[in-house]
Amino acid sequence: MKSFIFSGVLGFAALAAVNLTAQYTGVALAVTRLSVAVSGLLGVPGVTLMVILNTILL
């Protein structure tokens, strides 16, 4: 249980880091219910997946 919560916190931090560095990298993720859920449930791999999909599809 502790590692699941820690993974979720790291996912939220990764989502925040992507959005804070967006002006320098050009990569930004919209903060929606879906992106918050993915980052909370999957953690850093979920945020990485969203960045890759955002880059490929857009």
N, C-alpha and C. Protein backbone atom coordinates (compact mmCIF):
# COMPACT_ATOMS: atom_id res chain seq x y z
N MET A 1 0.82 -1.19 0.00
CA MET A 1 0.00 0.00 0.00
C MET A 1 0.87 1.26 0.00
N LYS A 2 1.95 1.22 0.78
CA LYS A 2 2.83 2.38 0.87
C LYS A 2 3.49 2.67 -0.48
N SER A 3 3.90 1.62 -1.20
CA SER A 3 4.56 1.84 -2.49
C SER A 3 3.57 2.35 -3.54
N PHE A 4 2.30 1.94 -3.45
CA PHE A 4 1.28 2.43 -4.37
C PHE A 4 1.06 3.93 -4.18
N ILE A 5 1.00 4.36 -2.94
CA ILE A 5 0.82 5.79 -2.65
C ILE A 5 2.06 6.57 -3.10
N PHE A 6 3.24 6.02 -2.84
CA PHE A 6 4.48 6.67 -3.25
C PHE A 6 4.56 6.78 -4.76
N SER A 7 4.13 5.74 -5.47
CA SER A 7 4.11 5.77 -6.93
C SER A 7 3.16 6.84 -7.44
N GLY A 8 2.01 6.98 -6.80
CA GLY A 8 1.06 8.02 -7.19
C GLY A 8 1.60 9.41 -6.97
N VAL A 9 2.27 9.61 -5.84
CA VAL A 9 2.87 10.92 -5.54
C VAL A 9 3.96 11.24 -6.57
N LEU A 10 4.78 10.25 -6.91
CA LEU A 10 5.80 10.47 -7.93
C LEU A 10 5.17 10.76 -9.29
N GLY A 11 4.05 10.12 -9.59
CA GLY A 11 3.35 10.39 -10.84
C GLY A 11 2.84 11.81 -10.91
N PHE A 12 2.26 12.30 -9.80
CA PHE A 12 1.79 13.69 -9.76
C PHE A 12 2.97 14.66 -9.90
N ALA A 13 4.08 14.31 -9.27
CA ALA A 13 5.27 15.17 -9.37
C ALA A 13 5.81 15.18 -10.80
N ALA A 14 5.77 14.03 -11.46
CA ALA A 14 6.24 13.97 -12.85
C ALA A 14 5.33 14.77 -13.76
N LEU A 15 4.02 14.70 -13.53
CA LEU A 15 3.08 15.49 -14.33
C LEU A 15 3.33 16.99 -14.12
N ALA A 16 3.57 17.37 -12.88
CA ALA A 16 3.88 18.77 -12.59
C ALA A 16 5.20 19.18 -13.23
N ALA A 17 6.20 18.30 -13.20
CA ALA A 17 7.50 18.62 -13.78
C ALA A 17 7.40 18.79 -15.30
N VAL A 18 6.60 17.95 -15.94
CA VAL A 18 6.41 18.08 -17.39
C VAL A 18 5.79 19.43 -17.71
N ASN A 19 4.79 19.82 -16.94
CA ASN A 19 4.11 21.09 -17.21
C ASN A 19 4.95 22.30 -16.81
N LEU A 20 5.78 22.17 -15.79
CA LEU A 20 6.64 23.29 -15.40
C LEU A 20 7.77 23.53 -16.40
N THR A 21 8.22 22.49 -17.07
CA THR A 21 9.29 22.62 -18.05
C THR A 21 8.76 22.75 -19.47
N ALA A 22 7.47 22.91 -19.63
CA ALA A 22 6.85 22.95 -20.97
C ALA A 22 7.35 24.13 -21.80
N GLN A 23 7.60 25.25 -21.19
CA GLN A 23 8.04 26.41 -21.97
C GLN A 23 9.45 26.23 -22.52
N TYR A 24 10.23 25.36 -21.90
CA TYR A 24 11.59 25.10 -22.38
C TYR A 24 11.65 23.93 -23.36
N THR A 25 10.79 22.92 -23.14
CA THR A 25 10.84 21.71 -23.96
C THR A 25 9.82 21.70 -25.08
N GLY A 26 8.74 22.44 -24.93
CA GLY A 26 7.68 22.42 -25.93
C GLY A 26 6.71 21.27 -25.75
N VAL A 27 6.90 20.48 -24.71
CA VAL A 27 6.02 19.35 -24.43
C VAL A 27 5.18 19.69 -23.21
N ALA A 28 3.87 19.68 -23.40
CA ALA A 28 2.97 19.98 -22.29
C ALA A 28 1.82 18.98 -22.29
N LEU A 29 1.34 18.65 -21.11
CA LEU A 29 0.19 17.77 -20.96
C LEU A 29 -0.93 18.56 -20.29
N ALA A 30 -2.11 18.45 -20.83
CA ALA A 30 -3.25 19.11 -20.21
C ALA A 30 -3.57 18.40 -18.89
N VAL A 31 -3.89 19.17 -17.89
CA VAL A 31 -4.25 18.60 -16.59
C VAL A 31 -5.76 18.40 -16.59
N THR A 32 -6.15 17.18 -16.93
CA THR A 32 -7.56 16.81 -16.95
C THR A 32 -7.78 15.67 -15.96
N ARG A 33 -9.01 15.27 -15.81
CA ARG A 33 -9.28 14.14 -14.91
C ARG A 33 -8.56 12.88 -15.37
N LEU A 34 -8.51 12.68 -16.69
CA LEU A 34 -7.85 11.49 -17.23
C LEU A 34 -6.35 11.52 -16.96
N SER A 35 -5.70 12.65 -17.22
CA SER A 35 -4.25 12.71 -17.01
C SER A 35 -3.89 12.60 -15.53
N VAL A 36 -4.70 13.18 -14.67
CA VAL A 36 -4.46 13.05 -13.23
C VAL A 36 -4.66 11.61 -12.78
N ALA A 37 -5.69 10.94 -13.32
CA ALA A 37 -5.94 9.54 -12.96
C ALA A 37 -4.81 8.64 -13.44
N VAL A 38 -4.36 8.85 -14.67
CA VAL A 38 -3.26 8.03 -15.20
C VAL A 38 -1.99 8.25 -14.41
N SER A 39 -1.67 9.50 -14.11
CA SER A 39 -0.44 9.76 -13.36
C SER A 39 -0.54 9.24 -11.93
N GLY A 40 -1.73 9.27 -11.35
CA GLY A 40 -1.91 8.76 -9.99
C GLY A 40 -1.89 7.25 -9.92
N LEU A 41 -2.47 6.59 -10.92
CA LEU A 41 -2.54 5.13 -10.90
C LEU A 41 -1.27 4.47 -11.43
N LEU A 42 -0.71 5.01 -12.50
CA LEU A 42 0.44 4.37 -13.13
C LEU A 42 1.78 5.00 -12.73
N GLY A 43 1.73 6.18 -12.17
CA GLY A 43 2.96 6.82 -11.72
C GLY A 43 3.78 7.39 -12.87
N VAL A 44 5.08 7.34 -12.72
CA VAL A 44 6.00 7.90 -13.72
C VAL A 44 5.87 7.19 -15.07
N PRO A 45 5.72 5.86 -15.13
CA PRO A 45 5.51 5.24 -16.44
C PRO A 45 4.25 5.73 -17.15
N GLY A 46 3.22 6.05 -16.40
CA GLY A 46 2.00 6.58 -17.00
C GLY A 46 2.22 7.96 -17.60
N VAL A 47 2.96 8.80 -16.91
CA VAL A 47 3.27 10.13 -17.43
C VAL A 47 4.16 10.01 -18.67
N THR A 48 5.13 9.11 -18.61
CA THR A 48 5.99 8.87 -19.77
C THR A 48 5.17 8.40 -20.96
N LEU A 49 4.23 7.51 -20.74
CA LEU A 49 3.36 7.03 -21.81
C LEU A 49 2.54 8.17 -22.39
N MET A 50 2.00 9.03 -21.55
CA MET A 50 1.22 10.16 -22.04
C MET A 50 2.08 11.12 -22.86
N VAL A 51 3.32 11.35 -22.45
CA VAL A 51 4.21 12.24 -23.20
C VAL A 51 4.53 11.62 -24.56
N ILE A 52 4.80 10.32 -24.59
CA ILE A 52 5.09 9.64 -25.86
C ILE A 52 3.88 9.68 -26.78
N LEU A 53 2.71 9.37 -26.25
CA LEU A 53 1.50 9.41 -27.07
C LEU A 53 1.20 10.82 -27.55
N ASN A 54 1.42 11.80 -26.72
CA ASN A 54 1.20 13.19 -27.11
C ASN A 54 2.15 13.59 -28.23
N THR A 55 3.38 13.13 -28.16
CA THR A 55 4.37 13.45 -29.19
C THR A 55 4.04 12.75 -30.50
N ILE A 56 3.62 11.50 -30.43
CA ILE A 56 3.33 10.73 -31.64
C ILE A 56 2.03 11.19 -32.30
N LEU A 57 0.99 11.39 -31.52
CA LEU A 57 -0.32 11.67 -32.08
C LEU A 57 -0.54 13.14 -32.42
N LEU A 58 0.20 14.02 -31.79
CA LEU A 58 0.01 15.45 -32.07
C LEU A 58 1.21 15.96 -32.73
